[in-house]
Amino acid sequence: MKIKIPEIGGKGDEIVLTAWHMSAGAHVREGEPLAEVVTDKASFDIECPCDGTLTKVLKKQGDVLKINEVIAEISCSNKQRKE
């Protein structure tokens, strides 16, 4: 499953990846914060959509991101997951 930047902030806001809370290979649980991003107005946690393993981290701290940009991949172990 691909983890994408959701629609946050206002139109034209710059989104910056400020921190990773997990690293590749980590076992993750649904709802856990994976990463933190910040816009001009606020900071947000990107939450894990399912239980599983964080298989790939595609972006690094300090990267400027766009809405719907893929930042990581997770191998989900549970059948029901948030889309």
PDB file of N, CA and C in Angstrom:
ATOM      1  N   MET A   1       0.838  -1.166   0.000  1.00  0.00           N
ATOM      2  CA  MET A   1       0.000   0.000   0.000  1.00  0.00           C
ATOM      3  C   MET A   1       0.891   1.240   0.000  1.00  0.00           C
ATOM      4  N   LYS A   2       0.547   2.193  -0.840  1.00  0.00           N
ATOM      5  CA  LYS A   2       1.319   3.430  -0.941  1.00  0.00           C
ATOM      6  C   LYS A   2       0.777   4.459   0.048  1.00  0.00           C
ATOM      7  N   ILE A   3       1.679   5.132   0.747  1.00  0.00           N
ATOM      8  CA  ILE A   3       1.300   6.184   1.680  1.00  0.00           C
ATOM      9  C   ILE A   3       1.507   7.513   0.964  1.00  0.00           C
ATOM     10  N   LYS A   4       0.418   8.273   0.828  1.00  0.00           N
ATOM     11  CA  LYS A   4       0.453   9.527   0.091  1.00  0.00           C
ATOM     12  C   LYS A   4       0.170  10.701   1.018  1.00  0.00           C
ATOM     13  N   ILE A   5       0.604  11.874   0.593  1.00  0.00           N
ATOM     14  CA  ILE A   5       0.302  13.104   1.314  1.00  0.00           C
ATOM     15  C   ILE A   5      -1.173  13.436   1.077  1.00  0.00           C
ATOM     16  N   PRO A   6      -1.958  13.535   2.158  1.00  0.00           N
ATOM     17  CA  PRO A   6      -3.379  13.867   1.997  1.00  0.00           C
ATOM     18  C   PRO A   6      -3.563  15.352   1.690  1.00  0.00           C
ATOM     19  N   GLU A   7      -4.784  15.717   1.339  1.00  0.00           N
ATOM     20  CA  GLU A   7      -5.090  17.122   1.098  1.00  0.00           C
ATOM     21  C   GLU A   7      -5.158  17.829   2.438  1.00  0.00           C
ATOM     22  N   ILE A   8      -4.102  18.571   2.749  1.00  0.00           N
ATOM     23  CA  ILE A   8      -4.019  19.314   4.007  1.00  0.00           C
ATOM     24  C   ILE A   8      -3.626  20.750   3.699  1.00  0.00           C
ATOM     25  N   GLY A   9      -3.962  21.636   4.600  1.00  0.00           N
ATOM     26  CA  GLY A   9      -3.595  23.032   4.398  1.00  0.00           C
ATOM     27  C   GLY A   9      -4.438  23.673   3.309  1.00  0.00           C
ATOM     28  N   GLY A  10      -4.060  24.864   2.956  1.00  0.00           N
ATOM     29  CA  GLY A  10      -4.775  25.602   1.923  1.00  0.00           C
ATOM     30  C   GLY A  10      -4.125  25.430   0.567  1.00  0.00           C
ATOM     31  N   LYS A  11      -4.798  25.876  -0.440  1.00  0.00           N
ATOM     32  CA  LYS A  11      -4.286  25.779  -1.799  1.00  0.00           C
ATOM     33  C   LYS A  11      -2.970  26.556  -1.908  1.00  0.00           C
ATOM     34  N   GLY A  12      -1.964  25.924  -2.430  1.00  0.00           N
ATOM     35  CA  GLY A  12      -0.679  26.570  -2.608  1.00  0.00           C
ATOM     36  C   GLY A  12       0.241  26.504  -1.400  1.00  0.00           C
ATOM     37  N   ASP A  13      -0.236  25.917  -0.290  1.00  0.00           N
ATOM     38  CA  ASP A  13       0.631  25.786   0.883  1.00  0.00           C
ATOM     39  C   ASP A  13       1.792  24.851   0.569  1.00  0.00           C
ATOM     40  N   GLU A  14       2.970  25.206   1.036  1.00  0.00           N
ATOM     41  CA  GLU A  14       4.129  24.335   0.913  1.00  0.00           C
ATOM     42  C   GLU A  14       4.039  23.284   2.019  1.00  0.00           C
ATOM     43  N   ILE A  15       4.260  22.026   1.673  1.00  0.00           N
ATOM     44  CA  ILE A  15       4.232  20.932   2.635  1.00  0.00           C
ATOM     45  C   ILE A  15       5.647  20.379   2.756  1.00  0.00           C
ATOM     46  N   VAL A  16       6.179  20.352   3.982  1.00  0.00           N
ATOM     47  CA  VAL A  16       7.545  19.895   4.212  1.00  0.00           C
ATOM     48  C   VAL A  16       7.519  18.702   5.163  1.00  0.00           C
ATOM     49  N   LEU A  17       8.244  17.656   4.810  1.00  0.00           N
ATOM     50  CA  LEU A  17       8.400  16.497   5.689  1.00  0.00           C
ATOM     51  C   LEU A  17       9.405  16.877   6.772  1.00  0.00           C
ATOM     52  N   THR A  18       8.942  16.950   8.025  1.00  0.00           N
ATOM     53  CA  THR A  18       9.812  17.413   9.104  1.00  0.00           C
ATOM     54  C   THR A  18      10.400  16.275   9.930  1.00  0.00           C
ATOM     55  N   ALA A  19       9.734  15.111   9.969  1.00  0.00           N
ATOM     56  CA  ALA A  19      10.267  14.009  10.779  1.00  0.00           C
ATOM     57  C   ALA A  19       9.629  12.685  10.384  1.00  0.00           C
ATOM     58  N   TRP A  20      10.422  11.636  10.477  1.00  0.00           N
ATOM     59  CA  TRP A  20       9.919  10.265  10.382  1.00  0.00           C
ATOM     60  C   TRP A  20       9.855   9.712  11.802  1.00  0.00           C
ATOM     61  N   HIS A  21       8.728   9.092  12.147  1.00  0.00           N
ATOM     62  CA  HIS A  21       8.577   8.454  13.458  1.00  0.00           C
ATOM     63  C   HIS A  21       8.934   6.972  13.388  1.00  0.00           C
ATOM     64  N   MET A  22       9.018   6.437  12.180  1.00  0.00           N
ATOM     65  CA  MET A  22       9.326   5.020  11.941  1.00  0.00           C
ATOM     66  C   MET A  22      10.385   4.945  10.847  1.00  0.00           C
ATOM     67  N   SER A  23      11.066   3.817  10.783  1.00  0.00           N
ATOM     68  CA  SER A  23      12.037   3.610   9.707  1.00  0.00           C
ATOM     69  C   SER A  23      11.671   2.343   8.939  1.00  0.00           C
ATOM     70  N   ALA A  24      12.243   2.186   7.756  1.00  0.00           N
ATOM     71  CA  ALA A  24      11.973   1.012   6.930  1.00  0.00           C
ATOM     72  C   ALA A  24      12.265  -0.257   7.716  1.00  0.00           C
ATOM     73  N   GLY A  25      11.370  -1.212   7.611  1.00  0.00           N
ATOM     74  CA  GLY A  25      11.507  -2.478   8.319  1.00  0.00           C
ATOM     75  C   GLY A  25      10.736  -2.523   9.624  1.00  0.00           C
ATOM     76  N   ALA A  26      10.246  -1.370  10.077  1.00  0.00           N
ATOM     77  CA  ALA A  26       9.519  -1.303  11.354  1.00  0.00           C
ATOM     78  C   ALA A  26       8.134  -1.931  11.211  1.00  0.00           C
ATOM     79  N   HIS A  27       7.722  -2.611  12.259  1.00  0.00           N
ATOM     80  CA  HIS A  27       6.350  -3.116  12.335  1.00  0.00           C
ATOM     81  C   HIS A  27       5.479  -1.958  12.793  1.00  0.00           C
ATOM     82  N   VAL A  28       4.378  -1.723  12.095  1.00  0.00           N
ATOM     83  CA  VAL A  28       3.512  -0.592  12.375  1.00  0.00           C
ATOM     84  C   VAL A  28       2.093  -1.068  12.656  1.00  0.00           C
ATOM     85  N   ARG A  29       1.361  -0.222  13.369  1.00  0.00           N
ATOM     86  CA  ARG A  29      -0.023  -0.532  13.705  1.00  0.00           C
ATOM     87  C   ARG A  29      -0.922   0.570  13.164  1.00  0.00           C
ATOM     88  N   GLU A  30      -2.111   0.199  12.768  1.00  0.00           N
ATOM     89  CA  GLU A  30      -3.081   1.144  12.244  1.00  0.00           C
ATOM     90  C   GLU A  30      -3.259   2.312  13.218  1.00  0.00           C
ATOM     91  N   GLY A  31      -3.191   3.520  12.691  1.00  0.00           N
ATOM     92  CA  GLY A  31      -3.387   4.721  13.493  1.00  0.00           C
ATOM     93  C   GLY A  31      -2.122   5.316  14.087  1.00  0.00           C
ATOM     94  N   GLU A  32      -1.019   4.556  14.076  1.00  0.00           N
ATOM     95  CA  GLU A  32       0.247   5.083  14.589  1.00  0.00           C
ATOM     96  C   GLU A  32       0.768   6.183  13.674  1.00  0.00           C
ATOM     97  N   PRO A  33       1.391   7.219  14.241  1.00  0.00           N
ATOM     98  CA  PRO A  33       1.985   8.238  13.382  1.00  0.00           C
ATOM     99  C   PRO A  33       3.240   7.707  12.703  1.00  0.00           C
ATOM    100  N   LEU A  34       3.303   7.883  11.392  1.00  0.00           N
ATOM    101  CA  LEU A  34       4.468   7.454  10.609  1.00  0.00           C
ATOM    102  C   LEU A  34       5.448   8.605  10.411  1.00  0.00           C
ATOM    103  N   ALA A  35       4.897   9.761  10.080  1.00  0.00           N
ATOM    104  CA  ALA A  35       5.734  10.911   9.749  1.00  0.00           C
ATOM    105  C   ALA A  35       4.995  12.180  10.123  1.00  0.00           C
ATOM    106  N   GLU A  36       5.760  13.253  10.234  1.00  0.00           N
ATOM    107  CA  GLU A  36       5.175  14.567  10.499  1.00  0.00           C
ATOM    108  C   GLU A  36       5.477  15.479   9.326  1.00  0.00           C
ATOM    109  N   VAL A  37       4.457  16.210   8.900  1.00  0.00           N
ATOM    110  CA  VAL A  37       4.628  17.214   7.859  1.00  0.00           C
ATOM    111  C   VAL A  37       4.120  18.544   8.395  1.00  0.00           C
ATOM    112  N   VAL A  38       4.627  19.616   7.813  1.00  0.00           N
ATOM    113  CA  VAL A  38       4.213  20.947   8.237  1.00  0.00           C
ATOM    114  C   VAL A  38       3.875  21.786   7.011  1.00  0.00           C
ATOM    115  N   THR A  39       2.824  22.608   7.153  1.00  0.00           N
ATOM    116  CA  THR A  39       2.468  23.576   6.122  1.00  0.00           C
ATOM    117  C   THR A  39       2.771  24.959   6.689  1.00  0.00           C
ATOM    118  N   ASP A  40       2.399  25.980   5.967  1.00  0.00           N
ATOM    119  CA  ASP A  40       2.597  27.348   6.446  1.00  0.00           C
ATOM    120  C   ASP A  40       1.804  27.617   7.725  1.00  0.00           C
ATOM    121  N   LYS A  41       0.755  26.843   7.950  1.00  0.00           N
ATOM    122  CA  LYS A  41      -0.158  27.127   9.053  1.00  0.00           C
ATOM    123  C   LYS A  41      -0.134  26.130  10.204  1.00  0.00           C
ATOM    124  N   ALA A  42       0.225  24.882   9.967  1.00  0.00           N
ATOM    125  CA  ALA A  42       0.124  23.865  11.025  1.00  0.00           C
ATOM    126  C   ALA A  42       0.986  22.651  10.703  1.00  0.00           C
ATOM    127  N   SER A  43       1.169  21.805  11.719  1.00  0.00           N
ATOM    128  CA  SER A  43       1.857  20.526  11.497  1.00  0.00           C
ATOM    129  C   SER A  43       0.840  19.407  11.625  1.00  0.00           C
ATOM    130  N   PHE A  44       1.097  18.312  10.904  1.00  0.00           N
ATOM    131  CA  PHE A  44       0.187  17.175  10.851  1.00  0.00           C
ATOM    132  C   PHE A  44       0.989  15.885  10.915  1.00  0.00           C
ATOM    133  N   ASP A  45       0.402  14.868  11.551  1.00  0.00           N
ATOM    134  CA  ASP A  45       0.987  13.526  11.496  1.00  0.00           C
ATOM    135  C   ASP A  45       0.325  12.762  10.361  1.00  0.00           C
ATOM    136  N   ILE A  46       1.114  12.014   9.613  1.00  0.00           N
ATOM    137  CA  ILE A  46       0.610  11.078   8.616  1.00  0.00           C
ATOM    138  C   ILE A  46       0.501   9.745   9.346  1.00  0.00           C
ATOM    139  N   GLU A  47      -0.716   9.211   9.461  1.00  0.00           N
ATOM    140  CA  GLU A  47      -0.946   7.984  10.224  1.00  0.00           C
ATOM    141  C   GLU A  47      -0.885   6.745   9.351  1.00  0.00           C
ATOM    142  N   CYS A  48      -0.531   5.658   9.992  1.00  0.00           N
ATOM    143  CA  CYS A  48      -0.491   4.361   9.333  1.00  0.00           C
ATOM    144  C   CYS A  48      -1.921   3.901   9.048  1.00  0.00           C
ATOM    145  N   PRO A  49      -2.217   3.488   7.821  1.00  0.00           N
ATOM    146  CA  PRO A  49      -3.573   3.073   7.471  1.00  0.00           C
ATOM    147  C   PRO A  49      -3.901   1.617   7.824  1.00  0.00           C
ATOM    148  N   CYS A  50      -2.884   0.836   8.248  1.00  0.00           N
ATOM    149  CA  CYS A  50      -3.116  -0.580   8.513  1.00  0.00           C
ATOM    150  C   CYS A  50      -1.996  -1.143   9.382  1.00  0.00           C
ATOM    151  N   ASP A  51      -2.215  -2.326   9.937  1.00  0.00           N
ATOM    152  CA  ASP A  51      -1.144  -3.057  10.616  1.00  0.00           C
ATOM    153  C   ASP A  51      -0.254  -3.664   9.541  1.00  0.00           C
ATOM    154  N   GLY A  52       1.045  -3.684   9.782  1.00  0.00           N
ATOM    155  CA  GLY A  52       1.937  -4.286   8.800  1.00  0.00           C
ATOM    156  C   GLY A  52       3.376  -3.891   9.021  1.00  0.00           C
ATOM    157  N   THR A  53       4.113  -3.815   7.912  1.00  0.00           N
ATOM    158  CA  THR A  53       5.532  -3.472   7.939  1.00  0.00           C
ATOM    159  C   THR A  53       5.783  -2.310   6.988  1.00  0.00           C
ATOM    160  N   LEU A  54       6.511  -1.327   7.479  1.00  0.00           N
ATOM    161  CA  LEU A  54       6.928  -0.204   6.639  1.00  0.00           C
ATOM    162  C   LEU A  54       8.056  -0.721   5.756  1.00  0.00           C
ATOM    163  N   THR A  55       7.753  -0.954   4.480  1.00  0.00           N
ATOM    164  CA  THR A  55       8.720  -1.603   3.597  1.00  0.00           C
ATOM    165  C   THR A  55       9.670  -0.624   2.905  1.00  0.00           C
ATOM    166  N   LYS A  56       9.180   0.584   2.578  1.00  0.00           N
ATOM    167  CA  LYS A  56      10.023   1.564   1.884  1.00  0.00           C
ATOM    168  C   LYS A  56       9.726   2.964   2.396  1.00  0.00           C
ATOM    169  N   VAL A  57      10.779   3.730   2.622  1.00  0.00           N
ATOM    170  CA  VAL A  57      10.677   5.160   2.905  1.00  0.00           C
ATOM    171  C   VAL A  57      11.224   5.865   1.667  1.00  0.00           C
ATOM    172  N   LEU A  58      10.368   6.606   0.976  1.00  0.00           N
ATOM    173  CA  LEU A  58      10.734   7.181  -0.321  1.00  0.00           C
ATOM    174  C   LEU A  58      11.161   8.646  -0.249  1.00  0.00           C
ATOM    175  N   LYS A  59      10.831   9.323   0.830  1.00  0.00           N
ATOM    176  CA  LYS A  59      11.179  10.735   0.979  1.00  0.00           C
ATOM    177  C   LYS A  59      11.968  10.924   2.268  1.00  0.00           C
ATOM    178  N   LYS A  60      12.753  12.004   2.309  1.00  0.00           N
ATOM    179  CA  LYS A  60      13.577  12.229   3.494  1.00  0.00           C
ATOM    180  C   LYS A  60      13.172  13.525   4.187  1.00  0.00           C
ATOM    181  N   GLN A  61      13.602  13.646   5.428  1.00  0.00           N
ATOM    182  CA  GLN A  61      13.331  14.828   6.215  1.00  0.00           C
ATOM    183  C   GLN A  61      13.827  16.064   5.465  1.00  0.00           C
ATOM    184  N   GLY A  62      12.977  17.084   5.408  1.00  0.00           N
ATOM    185  CA  GLY A  62      13.322  18.314   4.706  1.00  0.00           C
ATOM    186  C   GLY A  62      12.787  18.394   3.296  1.00  0.00           C
ATOM    187  N   ASP A  63      12.313  17.265   2.745  1.00  0.00           N
ATOM    188  CA  ASP A  63      11.767  17.283   1.383  1.00  0.00           C
ATOM    189  C   ASP A  63      10.486  18.116   1.327  1.00  0.00           C
ATOM    190  N   VAL A  64      10.334  18.883   0.251  1.00  0.00           N
ATOM    191  CA  VAL A  64       9.107  19.624  -0.020  1.00  0.00           C
ATOM    192  C   VAL A  64       8.220  18.706  -0.845  1.00  0.00           C
ATOM    193  N   LEU A  65       6.972  18.546  -0.397  1.00  0.00           N
ATOM    194  CA  LEU A  65       6.069  17.553  -0.975  1.00  0.00           C
ATOM    195  C   LEU A  65       4.849  18.192  -1.612  1.00  0.00           C
ATOM    196  N   LYS A  66       4.162  17.387  -2.429  1.00  0.00           N
ATOM    197  CA  LYS A  66       2.915  17.801  -3.057  1.00  0.00           C
ATOM    198  C   LYS A  66       1.795  16.875  -2.578  1.00  0.00           C
ATOM    199  N   ILE A  67       0.574  17.372  -2.639  1.00  0.00           N
ATOM    200  CA  ILE A  67      -0.589  16.553  -2.302  1.00  0.00           C
ATOM    201  C   ILE A  67      -0.605  15.332  -3.217  1.00  0.00           C
ATOM    202  N   ASN A  68      -0.898  14.170  -2.633  1.00  0.00           N
ATOM    203  CA  ASN A  68      -0.952  12.867  -3.307  1.00  0.00           C
ATOM    204  C   ASN A  68       0.412  12.299  -3.671  1.00  0.00           C
ATOM    205  N   GLU A  69       1.495  12.947  -3.266  1.00  0.00           N
ATOM    206  CA  GLU A  69       2.829  12.408  -3.519  1.00  0.00           C
ATOM    207  C   GLU A  69       3.064  11.205  -2.598  1.00  0.00           C
ATOM    208  N   VAL A  70       3.616  10.139  -3.142  1.00  0.00           N
ATOM    209  CA  VAL A  70       3.895   8.926  -2.372  1.00  0.00           C
ATOM    210  C   VAL A  70       5.171   9.135  -1.563  1.00  0.00           C
ATOM    211  N   ILE A  71       5.067   8.910  -0.230  1.00  0.00           N
ATOM    212  CA  ILE A  71       6.227   9.098   0.641  1.00  0.00           C
ATOM    213  C   ILE A  71       6.766   7.784   1.201  1.00  0.00           C
ATOM    214  N   ALA A  72       5.936   6.725   1.165  1.00  0.00           N
ATOM    215  CA  ALA A  72       6.360   5.440   1.722  1.00  0.00           C
ATOM    216  C   ALA A  72       5.455   4.332   1.202  1.00  0.00           C
ATOM    217  N   GLU A  73       5.885   3.080   1.470  1.00  0.00           N
ATOM    218  CA  GLU A  73       5.071   1.914   1.141  1.00  0.00           C
ATOM    219  C   GLU A  73       4.995   1.001   2.356  1.00  0.00           C
ATOM    220  N   ILE A  74       3.815   0.426   2.565  1.00  0.00           N
ATOM    221  CA  ILE A  74       3.574  -0.476   3.694  1.00  0.00           C
ATOM    222  C   ILE A  74       3.012  -1.774   3.164  1.00  0.00           C
ATOM    223  N   SER A  75       3.501  -2.869   3.719  1.00  0.00           N
ATOM    224  CA  SER A  75       2.925  -4.186   3.455  1.00  0.00           C
ATOM    225  C   SER A  75       1.917  -4.437   4.577  1.00  0.00           C
ATOM    226  N   CYS A  76       0.628  -4.392   4.240  1.00  0.00           N
ATOM    227  CA  CYS A  76      -0.423  -4.541   5.251  1.00  0.00           C
ATOM    228  C   CYS A  76      -0.646  -6.009   5.587  1.00  0.00           C
ATOM    229  N   SER A  77      -0.813  -6.272   6.885  1.00  0.00           N
ATOM    230  CA  SER A  77      -1.054  -7.649   7.313  1.00  0.00           C
ATOM    231  C   SER A  77      -2.514  -7.902   7.666  1.00  0.00           C
ATOM    232  N   ASN A  78      -3.295  -6.842   7.867  1.00  0.00           N
ATOM    233  CA  ASN A  78      -4.707  -7.051   8.171  1.00  0.00           C
ATOM    234  C   ASN A  78      -5.545  -6.833   6.915  1.00  0.00           C
ATOM    235  N   LYS A  79      -6.675  -7.482   6.867  1.00  0.00           N
ATOM    236  CA  LYS A  79      -7.509  -7.433   5.666  1.00  0.00           C
ATOM    237  C   LYS A  79      -8.222  -6.091   5.521  1.00  0.00           C
ATOM    238  N   GLN A  80      -8.689  -5.536   6.636  1.00  0.00           N
ATOM    239  CA  GLN A  80      -9.406  -4.280   6.577  1.00  0.00           C
ATOM    240  C   GLN A  80      -8.425  -3.136   6.786  1.00  0.00           C
ATOM    241  N   ARG A  81      -8.422  -2.183   5.876  1.00  0.00           N
ATOM    242  CA  ARG A  81      -7.518  -1.051   5.989  1.00  0.00           C
ATOM    243  C   ARG A  81      -8.189   0.210   5.491  1.00  0.00           C
ATOM    244  N   LYS A  82      -7.688   1.336   5.984  1.00  0.00           N
ATOM    245  CA  LYS A  82      -8.221   2.632   5.567  1.00  0.00           C
ATOM    246  C   LYS A  82      -7.672   2.960   4.196  1.00  0.00           C
ATOM    247  N   GLU A  83      -8.498   3.467   3.335  1.00  0.00           N
ATOM    248  CA  GLU A  83      -8.040   3.880   1.993  1.00  0.00           C
ATOM    249  C   GLU A  83      -7.952   5.379   1.926  1.00  0.00           C
TER     250      GLU A  83
END
